[in-house]
Amino acid sequence: RPLDRSPEGAAWAVPAGRARASQG
């Protein structure tokens, strides 16, 4: 099926592993 590529429907990537909140 077509995928919602809007900001609300997008969540593509595997998240960063270690916490890097200090770097955005």
mmCIF file of all heavy atoms, coordinates in Angstrom:
data_MODEL
# 
_entry.id   MODEL 
# 
loop_
_atom_site.group_PDB 
_atom_site.id 
_atom_site.type_symbol 
_atom_site.label_atom_id 
_atom_site.label_alt_id 
_atom_site.label_comp_id 
_atom_site.label_asym_id 
_atom_site.label_entity_id 
_atom_site.label_seq_id 
_atom_site.pdbx_PDB_ins_code 
_atom_site.Cartn_x 
_atom_site.Cartn_y 
_atom_site.Cartn_z 
_atom_site.occupancy 
_atom_site.B_iso_or_equiv 
_atom_site.pdbx_formal_charge 
_atom_site.auth_seq_id 
_atom_site.auth_comp_id 
_atom_site.auth_asym_id 
_atom_site.auth_atom_id 
_atom_site.pdbx_PDB_model_num 
ATOM 1   N N   . ARG A 1 1  ? 0.827  -1.195 0.000  1.00 0.00 ? 1  ARG A N   1 
ATOM 2   C CA  . ARG A 1 1  ? 0.000  0.000  0.000  1.00 0.00 ? 1  ARG A CA  1 
ATOM 3   C C   . ARG A 1 1  ? 0.865  1.250  0.000  1.00 0.00 ? 1  ARG A C   1 
ATOM 4   O O   . ARG A 1 1  ? 1.974  1.248  0.524  1.00 0.00 ? 1  ARG A O   1 
ATOM 5   C CB  . ARG A 1 1  ? -0.918 0.018  1.219  1.00 0.00 ? 1  ARG A CB  1 
ATOM 6   C CG  . ARG A 1 1  ? -1.893 -1.146 1.283  1.00 0.00 ? 1  ARG A CG  1 
ATOM 7   C CD  . ARG A 1 1  ? -2.749 -1.066 2.528  1.00 0.00 ? 1  ARG A CD  1 
ATOM 8   N NE  . ARG A 1 1  ? -3.659 -2.205 2.627  1.00 0.00 ? 1  ARG A NE  1 
ATOM 9   C CZ  . ARG A 1 1  ? -4.495 -2.386 3.639  1.00 0.00 ? 1  ARG A CZ  1 
ATOM 10  N NH1 . ARG A 1 1  ? -4.549 -1.510 4.634  1.00 0.00 ? 1  ARG A NH1 1 
ATOM 11  N NH2 . ARG A 1 1  ? -5.294 -3.457 3.670  1.00 0.00 ? 1  ARG A NH2 1 
ATOM 12  N N   . PRO A 1 2  ? 0.358  2.360  -0.579 1.00 0.00 ? 2  PRO A N   1 
ATOM 13  C CA  . PRO A 1 2  ? 1.100  3.623  -0.500 1.00 0.00 ? 2  PRO A CA  1 
ATOM 14  C C   . PRO A 1 2  ? 1.292  4.030  0.953  1.00 0.00 ? 2  PRO A C   1 
ATOM 15  O O   . PRO A 1 2  ? 0.435  3.798  1.804  1.00 0.00 ? 2  PRO A O   1 
ATOM 16  C CB  . PRO A 1 2  ? 0.202  4.614  -1.246 1.00 0.00 ? 2  PRO A CB  1 
ATOM 17  C CG  . PRO A 1 2  ? -0.711 3.779  -2.063 1.00 0.00 ? 2  PRO A CG  1 
ATOM 18  C CD  . PRO A 1 2  ? -0.889 2.495  -1.331 1.00 0.00 ? 2  PRO A CD  1 
ATOM 19  N N   . LEU A 1 3  ? 2.403  4.629  1.238  1.00 0.00 ? 3  LEU A N   1 
ATOM 20  C CA  . LEU A 1 3  ? 2.740  5.019  2.595  1.00 0.00 ? 3  LEU A CA  1 
ATOM 21  C C   . LEU A 1 3  ? 2.602  6.515  2.775  1.00 0.00 ? 3  LEU A C   1 
ATOM 22  O O   . LEU A 1 3  ? 2.980  7.299  1.902  1.00 0.00 ? 3  LEU A O   1 
ATOM 23  C CB  . LEU A 1 3  ? 4.170  4.596  2.920  1.00 0.00 ? 3  LEU A CB  1 
ATOM 24  C CG  . LEU A 1 3  ? 4.640  4.781  4.357  1.00 0.00 ? 3  LEU A CG  1 
ATOM 25  C CD1 . LEU A 1 3  ? 3.820  3.905  5.280  1.00 0.00 ? 3  LEU A CD1 1 
ATOM 26  C CD2 . LEU A 1 3  ? 6.109  4.408  4.462  1.00 0.00 ? 3  LEU A CD2 1 
ATOM 27  N N   . ASP A 1 4  ? 2.030  6.921  3.875  1.00 0.00 ? 4  ASP A N   1 
ATOM 28  C CA  . ASP A 1 4  ? 1.918  8.329  4.220  1.00 0.00 ? 4  ASP A CA  1 
ATOM 29  C C   . ASP A 1 4  ? 3.300  8.889  4.510  1.00 0.00 ? 4  ASP A C   1 
ATOM 30  O O   . ASP A 1 4  ? 3.956  8.522  5.470  1.00 0.00 ? 4  ASP A O   1 
ATOM 31  C CB  . ASP A 1 4  ? 1.023  8.483  5.451  1.00 0.00 ? 4  ASP A CB  1 
ATOM 32  C CG  . ASP A 1 4  ? 0.857  9.938  5.877  1.00 0.00 ? 4  ASP A CG  1 
ATOM 33  O OD1 . ASP A 1 4  ? 1.345  10.835 5.160  1.00 0.00 ? 4  ASP A OD1 1 
ATOM 34  O OD2 . ASP A 1 4  ? 0.222  10.160 6.929  1.00 0.00 ? 4  ASP A OD2 1 
ATOM 35  N N   . ARG A 1 5  ? 3.752  9.778  3.655  1.00 0.00 ? 5  ARG A N   1 
ATOM 36  C CA  . ARG A 1 5  ? 5.074  10.361 3.830  1.00 0.00 ? 5  ARG A CA  1 
ATOM 37  C C   . ARG A 1 5  ? 5.011  11.772 4.410  1.00 0.00 ? 5  ARG A C   1 
ATOM 38  O O   . ARG A 1 5  ? 5.990  12.522 4.347  1.00 0.00 ? 5  ARG A O   1 
ATOM 39  C CB  . ARG A 1 5  ? 5.835  10.365 2.501  1.00 0.00 ? 5  ARG A CB  1 
ATOM 40  C CG  . ARG A 1 5  ? 6.136  8.968  1.987  1.00 0.00 ? 5  ARG A CG  1 
ATOM 41  C CD  . ARG A 1 5  ? 6.886  8.998  0.676  1.00 0.00 ? 5  ARG A CD  1 
ATOM 42  N NE  . ARG A 1 5  ? 7.188  7.664  0.188  1.00 0.00 ? 5  ARG A NE  1 
ATOM 43  C CZ  . ARG A 1 5  ? 8.267  6.968  0.502  1.00 0.00 ? 5  ARG A CZ  1 
ATOM 44  N NH1 . ARG A 1 5  ? 9.156  7.491  1.321  1.00 0.00 ? 5  ARG A NH1 1 
ATOM 45  N NH2 . ARG A 1 5  ? 8.467  5.759  0.015  1.00 0.00 ? 5  ARG A NH2 1 
ATOM 46  N N   . SER A 1 6  ? 3.881  12.144 4.959  1.00 0.00 ? 6  SER A N   1 
ATOM 47  C CA  . SER A 1 6  ? 3.771  13.423 5.623  1.00 0.00 ? 6  SER A CA  1 
ATOM 48  C C   . SER A 1 6  ? 4.565  13.412 6.916  1.00 0.00 ? 6  SER A C   1 
ATOM 49  O O   . SER A 1 6  ? 4.919  12.348 7.428  1.00 0.00 ? 6  SER A O   1 
ATOM 50  C CB  . SER A 1 6  ? 2.303  13.728 5.933  1.00 0.00 ? 6  SER A CB  1 
ATOM 51  O OG  . SER A 1 6  ? 1.807  12.798 6.902  1.00 0.00 ? 6  SER A OG  1 
ATOM 52  N N   . PRO A 1 7  ? 4.878  14.577 7.464  1.00 0.00 ? 7  PRO A N   1 
ATOM 53  C CA  . PRO A 1 7  ? 5.600  14.587 8.750  1.00 0.00 ? 7  PRO A CA  1 
ATOM 54  C C   . PRO A 1 7  ? 4.876  13.799 9.818  1.00 0.00 ? 7  PRO A C   1 
ATOM 55  O O   . PRO A 1 7  ? 5.500  13.193 10.687 1.00 0.00 ? 7  PRO A O   1 
ATOM 56  C CB  . PRO A 1 7  ? 5.675  16.078 9.085  1.00 0.00 ? 7  PRO A CB  1 
ATOM 57  C CG  . PRO A 1 7  ? 5.597  16.775 7.759  1.00 0.00 ? 7  PRO A CG  1 
ATOM 58  C CD  . PRO A 1 7  ? 4.684  15.932 6.911  1.00 0.00 ? 7  PRO A CD  1 
ATOM 59  N N   . GLU A 1 8  ? 3.535  13.794 9.761  1.00 0.00 ? 8  GLU A N   1 
ATOM 60  C CA  . GLU A 1 8  ? 2.781  13.068 10.774 1.00 0.00 ? 8  GLU A CA  1 
ATOM 61  C C   . GLU A 1 8  ? 2.885  11.557 10.583 1.00 0.00 ? 8  GLU A C   1 
ATOM 62  O O   . GLU A 1 8  ? 2.770  10.786 11.533 1.00 0.00 ? 8  GLU A O   1 
ATOM 63  C CB  . GLU A 1 8  ? 1.304  13.474 10.720 1.00 0.00 ? 8  GLU A CB  1 
ATOM 64  C CG  . GLU A 1 8  ? 1.044  14.920 11.134 1.00 0.00 ? 8  GLU A CG  1 
ATOM 65  C CD  . GLU A 1 8  ? 1.373  15.908 10.014 1.00 0.00 ? 8  GLU A CD  1 
ATOM 66  O OE1 . GLU A 1 8  ? 1.551  15.491 8.849  1.00 0.00 ? 8  GLU A OE1 1 
ATOM 67  O OE2 . GLU A 1 8  ? 1.456  17.118 10.329 1.00 0.00 ? 8  GLU A OE2 1 
ATOM 68  N N   . GLY A 1 9  ? 3.090  11.097 9.356  1.00 0.00 ? 9  GLY A N   1 
ATOM 69  C CA  . GLY A 1 9  ? 3.091  9.670  9.096  1.00 0.00 ? 9  GLY A CA  1 
ATOM 70  C C   . GLY A 1 9  ? 4.466  9.074  8.917  1.00 0.00 ? 9  GLY A C   1 
ATOM 71  O O   . GLY A 1 9  ? 4.604  7.872  8.718  1.00 0.00 ? 9  GLY A O   1 
ATOM 72  N N   . ALA A 1 10 ? 5.507  9.876  8.954  1.00 0.00 ? 10 ALA A N   1 
ATOM 73  C CA  . ALA A 1 10 ? 6.847  9.392  8.672  1.00 0.00 ? 10 ALA A CA  1 
ATOM 74  C C   . ALA A 1 10 ? 7.602  9.063  9.936  1.00 0.00 ? 10 ALA A C   1 
ATOM 75  O O   . ALA A 1 10 ? 7.602  9.807  10.884 1.00 0.00 ? 10 ALA A O   1 
ATOM 76  C CB  . ALA A 1 10 ? 7.629  10.431 7.871  1.00 0.00 ? 10 ALA A CB  1 
ATOM 77  N N   . ALA A 1 11 ? 8.218  7.933  9.930  1.00 0.00 ? 11 ALA A N   1 
ATOM 78  C CA  . ALA A 1 11 ? 9.130  7.547  11.015 1.00 0.00 ? 11 ALA A CA  1 
ATOM 79  C C   . ALA A 1 11 ? 9.990  6.438  10.455 1.00 0.00 ? 11 ALA A C   1 
ATOM 80  O O   . ALA A 1 11 ? 9.757  5.272  10.690 1.00 0.00 ? 11 ALA A O   1 
ATOM 81  C CB  . ALA A 1 11 ? 8.365  7.096  12.235 1.00 0.00 ? 11 ALA A CB  1 
ATOM 82  N N   . TRP A 1 12 ? 10.980 6.804  9.690  1.00 0.00 ? 12 TRP A N   1 
ATOM 83  C CA  . TRP A 1 12 ? 11.676 5.817  8.885  1.00 0.00 ? 12 TRP A CA  1 
ATOM 84  C C   . TRP A 1 12 ? 12.798 5.100  9.585  1.00 0.00 ? 12 TRP A C   1 
ATOM 85  O O   . TRP A 1 12 ? 12.908 3.899  9.543  1.00 0.00 ? 12 TRP A O   1 
ATOM 86  C CB  . TRP A 1 12 ? 12.270 6.489  7.630  1.00 0.00 ? 12 TRP A CB  1 
ATOM 87  C CG  . TRP A 1 12 ? 11.332 7.379  6.943  1.00 0.00 ? 12 TRP A CG  1 
ATOM 88  C CD1 . TRP A 1 12 ? 11.440 8.711  6.744  1.00 0.00 ? 12 TRP A CD1 1 
ATOM 89  C CD2 . TRP A 1 12 ? 10.079 7.002  6.363  1.00 0.00 ? 12 TRP A CD2 1 
ATOM 90  N NE1 . TRP A 1 12 ? 10.331 9.196  6.085  1.00 0.00 ? 12 TRP A NE1 1 
ATOM 91  C CE2 . TRP A 1 12 ? 9.498  8.157  5.839  1.00 0.00 ? 12 TRP A CE2 1 
ATOM 92  C CE3 . TRP A 1 12 ? 9.398  5.786  6.264  1.00 0.00 ? 12 TRP A CE3 1 
ATOM 93  C CZ2 . TRP A 1 12 ? 8.264  8.126  5.213  1.00 0.00 ? 12 TRP A CZ2 1 
ATOM 94  C CZ3 . TRP A 1 12 ? 8.185  5.769  5.645  1.00 0.00 ? 12 TRP A CZ3 1 
ATOM 95  C CH2 . TRP A 1 12 ? 7.631  6.917  5.123  1.00 0.00 ? 12 TRP A CH2 1 
ATOM 96  N N   . ALA A 1 13 ? 13.648 5.853  10.151 1.00 0.00 ? 13 ALA A N   1 
ATOM 97  C CA  . ALA A 1 13 ? 14.934 5.309  10.486 1.00 0.00 ? 13 ALA A CA  1 
ATOM 98  C C   . ALA A 1 13 ? 14.957 4.559  11.801 1.00 0.00 ? 13 ALA A C   1 
ATOM 99  O O   . ALA A 1 13 ? 14.163 4.833  12.696 1.00 0.00 ? 13 ALA A O   1 
ATOM 100 C CB  . ALA A 1 13 ? 15.960 6.421  10.548 1.00 0.00 ? 13 ALA A CB  1 
ATOM 101 N N   . VAL A 1 14 ? 15.891 3.627  11.861 1.00 0.00 ? 14 VAL A N   1 
ATOM 102 C CA  . VAL A 1 14 ? 16.246 3.053  13.138 1.00 0.00 ? 14 VAL A CA  1 
ATOM 103 C C   . VAL A 1 14 ? 16.777 4.179  14.010 1.00 0.00 ? 14 VAL A C   1 
ATOM 104 O O   . VAL A 1 14 ? 17.555 5.006  13.546 1.00 0.00 ? 14 VAL A O   1 
ATOM 105 C CB  . VAL A 1 14 ? 17.311 1.962  12.947 1.00 0.00 ? 14 VAL A CB  1 
ATOM 106 C CG1 . VAL A 1 14 ? 17.888 1.530  14.262 1.00 0.00 ? 14 VAL A CG1 1 
ATOM 107 C CG2 . VAL A 1 14 ? 16.739 0.780  12.188 1.00 0.00 ? 14 VAL A CG2 1 
ATOM 108 N N   . PRO A 1 15 ? 16.361 4.287  15.254 1.00 0.00 ? 15 PRO A N   1 
ATOM 109 C CA  . PRO A 1 15 ? 16.809 5.382  16.097 1.00 0.00 ? 15 PRO A CA  1 
ATOM 110 C C   . PRO A 1 15 ? 18.286 5.290  16.418 1.00 0.00 ? 15 PRO A C   1 
ATOM 111 O O   . PRO A 1 15 ? 18.897 4.229  16.331 1.00 0.00 ? 15 PRO A O   1 
ATOM 112 C CB  . PRO A 1 15 ? 15.971 5.212  17.366 1.00 0.00 ? 15 PRO A CB  1 
ATOM 113 C CG  . PRO A 1 15 ? 15.695 3.750  17.412 1.00 0.00 ? 15 PRO A CG  1 
ATOM 114 C CD  . PRO A 1 15 ? 15.526 3.337  15.968 1.00 0.00 ? 15 PRO A CD  1 
ATOM 115 N N   . ALA A 1 16 ? 18.867 6.435  16.786 1.00 0.00 ? 16 ALA A N   1 
ATOM 116 C CA  . ALA A 1 16 ? 20.241 6.427  17.244 1.00 0.00 ? 16 ALA A CA  1 
ATOM 117 C C   . ALA A 1 16 ? 20.375 5.527  18.441 1.00 0.00 ? 16 ALA A C   1 
ATOM 118 O O   . ALA A 1 16 ? 19.489 5.444  19.272 1.00 0.00 ? 16 ALA A O   1 
ATOM 119 C CB  . ALA A 1 16 ? 20.686 7.845  17.586 1.00 0.00 ? 16 ALA A CB  1 
ATOM 120 N N   . GLY A 1 17 ? 21.473 4.836  18.546 1.00 0.00 ? 17 GLY A N   1 
ATOM 121 C CA  . GLY A 1 17 ? 21.649 3.856  19.613 1.00 0.00 ? 17 GLY A CA  1 
ATOM 122 C C   . GLY A 1 17 ? 21.846 4.499  20.964 1.00 0.00 ? 17 GLY A C   1 
ATOM 123 O O   . GLY A 1 17 ? 21.019 4.358  21.857 1.00 0.00 ? 17 GLY A O   1 
ATOM 124 N N   . ARG A 1 18 ? 22.953 5.177  21.184 1.00 0.00 ? 18 ARG A N   1 
ATOM 125 C CA  . ARG A 1 18 ? 23.196 5.805  22.465 1.00 0.00 ? 18 ARG A CA  1 
ATOM 126 C C   . ARG A 1 18 ? 22.542 7.167  22.514 1.00 0.00 ? 18 ARG A C   1 
ATOM 127 O O   . ARG A 1 18 ? 22.311 7.830  21.511 1.00 0.00 ? 18 ARG A O   1 
ATOM 128 C CB  . ARG A 1 18 ? 24.692 5.933  22.707 1.00 0.00 ? 18 ARG A CB  1 
ATOM 129 C CG  . ARG A 1 18 ? 25.401 4.613  22.906 1.00 0.00 ? 18 ARG A CG  1 
ATOM 130 C CD  . ARG A 1 18 ? 26.884 4.817  23.133 1.00 0.00 ? 18 ARG A CD  1 
ATOM 131 N NE  . ARG A 1 18 ? 27.089 5.628  24.305 1.00 0.00 ? 18 ARG A NE  1 
ATOM 132 C CZ  . ARG A 1 18 ? 28.158 6.385  24.512 1.00 0.00 ? 18 ARG A CZ  1 
ATOM 133 N NH1 . ARG A 1 18 ? 29.087 6.467  23.605 1.00 0.00 ? 18 ARG A NH1 1 
ATOM 134 N NH2 . ARG A 1 18 ? 28.283 7.066  25.630 1.00 0.00 ? 18 ARG A NH2 1 
ATOM 135 N N   . ALA A 1 19 ? 22.207 7.576  23.707 1.00 0.00 ? 19 ALA A N   1 
ATOM 136 C CA  . ALA A 1 19 ? 21.533 8.841  23.907 1.00 0.00 ? 19 ALA A CA  1 
ATOM 137 C C   . ALA A 1 19 ? 22.473 9.986  23.567 1.00 0.00 ? 19 ALA A C   1 
ATOM 138 O O   . ALA A 1 19 ? 23.541 10.115 24.147 1.00 0.00 ? 19 ALA A O   1 
ATOM 139 C CB  . ALA A 1 19 ? 21.069 8.958  25.358 1.00 0.00 ? 19 ALA A CB  1 
ATOM 140 N N   . ARG A 1 20 ? 22.071 10.833 22.613 1.00 0.00 ? 20 ARG A N   1 
ATOM 141 C CA  . ARG A 1 20 ? 22.869 11.978 22.214 1.00 0.00 ? 20 ARG A CA  1 
ATOM 142 C C   . ARG A 1 20 ? 22.028 13.246 22.248 1.00 0.00 ? 20 ARG A C   1 
ATOM 143 O O   . ARG A 1 20 ? 22.093 14.089 21.353 1.00 0.00 ? 20 ARG A O   1 
ATOM 144 C CB  . ARG A 1 20 ? 23.435 11.761 20.803 1.00 0.00 ? 20 ARG A CB  1 
ATOM 145 C CG  . ARG A 1 20 ? 24.462 10.632 20.738 1.00 0.00 ? 20 ARG A CG  1 
ATOM 146 C CD  . ARG A 1 20 ? 25.732 10.995 21.481 1.00 0.00 ? 20 ARG A CD  1 
ATOM 147 N NE  . ARG A 1 20 ? 26.710 9.914  21.397 1.00 0.00 ? 20 ARG A NE  1 
ATOM 148 C CZ  . ARG A 1 20 ? 27.886 9.923  22.043 1.00 0.00 ? 20 ARG A CZ  1 
ATOM 149 N NH1 . ARG A 1 20 ? 28.212 10.952 22.802 1.00 0.00 ? 20 ARG A NH1 1 
ATOM 150 N NH2 . ARG A 1 20 ? 28.713 8.904  21.933 1.00 0.00 ? 20 ARG A NH2 1 
ATOM 151 N N   . ALA A 1 21 ? 21.233 13.368 23.279 1.00 0.00 ? 21 ALA A N   1 
ATOM 152 C CA  . ALA A 1 21 ? 20.383 14.542 23.386 1.00 0.00 ? 21 ALA A CA  1 
ATOM 153 C C   . ALA A 1 21 ? 21.196 15.830 23.428 1.00 0.00 ? 21 ALA A C   1 
ATOM 154 O O   . ALA A 1 21 ? 20.744 16.881 22.987 1.00 0.00 ? 21 ALA A O   1 
ATOM 155 C CB  . ALA A 1 21 ? 19.499 14.453 24.626 1.00 0.00 ? 21 ALA A CB  1 
ATOM 156 N N   . SER A 1 22 ? 22.399 15.748 23.919 1.00 0.00 ? 22 SER A N   1 
ATOM 157 C CA  . SER A 1 22 ? 23.249 16.925 23.978 1.00 0.00 ? 22 SER A CA  1 
ATOM 158 C C   . SER A 1 22 ? 23.680 17.380 22.597 1.00 0.00 ? 22 SER A C   1 
ATOM 159 O O   . SER A 1 22 ? 24.180 18.484 22.426 1.00 0.00 ? 22 SER A O   1 
ATOM 160 C CB  . SER A 1 22 ? 24.485 16.628 24.832 1.00 0.00 ? 22 SER A CB  1 
ATOM 161 O OG  . SER A 1 22 ? 25.247 15.568 24.280 1.00 0.00 ? 22 SER A OG  1 
ATOM 162 N N   . GLN A 1 23 ? 23.469 16.546 21.569 1.00 0.00 ? 23 GLN A N   1 
ATOM 163 C CA  . GLN A 1 23 ? 23.842 16.882 20.207 1.00 0.00 ? 23 GLN A CA  1 
ATOM 164 C C   . GLN A 1 23 ? 22.598 16.950 19.324 1.00 0.00 ? 23 GLN A C   1 
ATOM 165 O O   . GLN A 1 23 ? 22.557 16.462 18.204 1.00 0.00 ? 23 GLN A O   1 
ATOM 166 C CB  . GLN A 1 23 ? 24.825 15.848 19.656 1.00 0.00 ? 23 GLN A CB  1 
ATOM 167 C CG  . GLN A 1 23 ? 26.099 15.749 20.478 1.00 0.00 ? 23 GLN A CG  1 
ATOM 168 C CD  . GLN A 1 23 ? 27.041 14.675 19.987 1.00 0.00 ? 23 GLN A CD  1 
ATOM 169 O OE1 . GLN A 1 23 ? 26.984 14.257 18.836 1.00 0.00 ? 23 GLN A OE1 1 
ATOM 170 N NE2 . GLN A 1 23 ? 27.932 14.216 20.832 1.00 0.00 ? 23 GLN A NE2 1 
ATOM 171 N N   . GLY A 1 24 ? 21.512 17.449 19.883 1.00 0.00 ? 24 GLY A N   1 
ATOM 172 C CA  . GLY A 1 24 ? 20.297 17.627 19.121 1.00 0.00 ? 24 GLY A CA  1 
ATOM 173 C C   . GLY A 1 24 ? 19.459 16.386 18.983 1.00 0.00 ? 24 GLY A C   1 
ATOM 174 O O   . GLY A 1 24 ? 18.556 16.312 18.153 1.00 0.00 ? 24 GLY A O   1 
# 
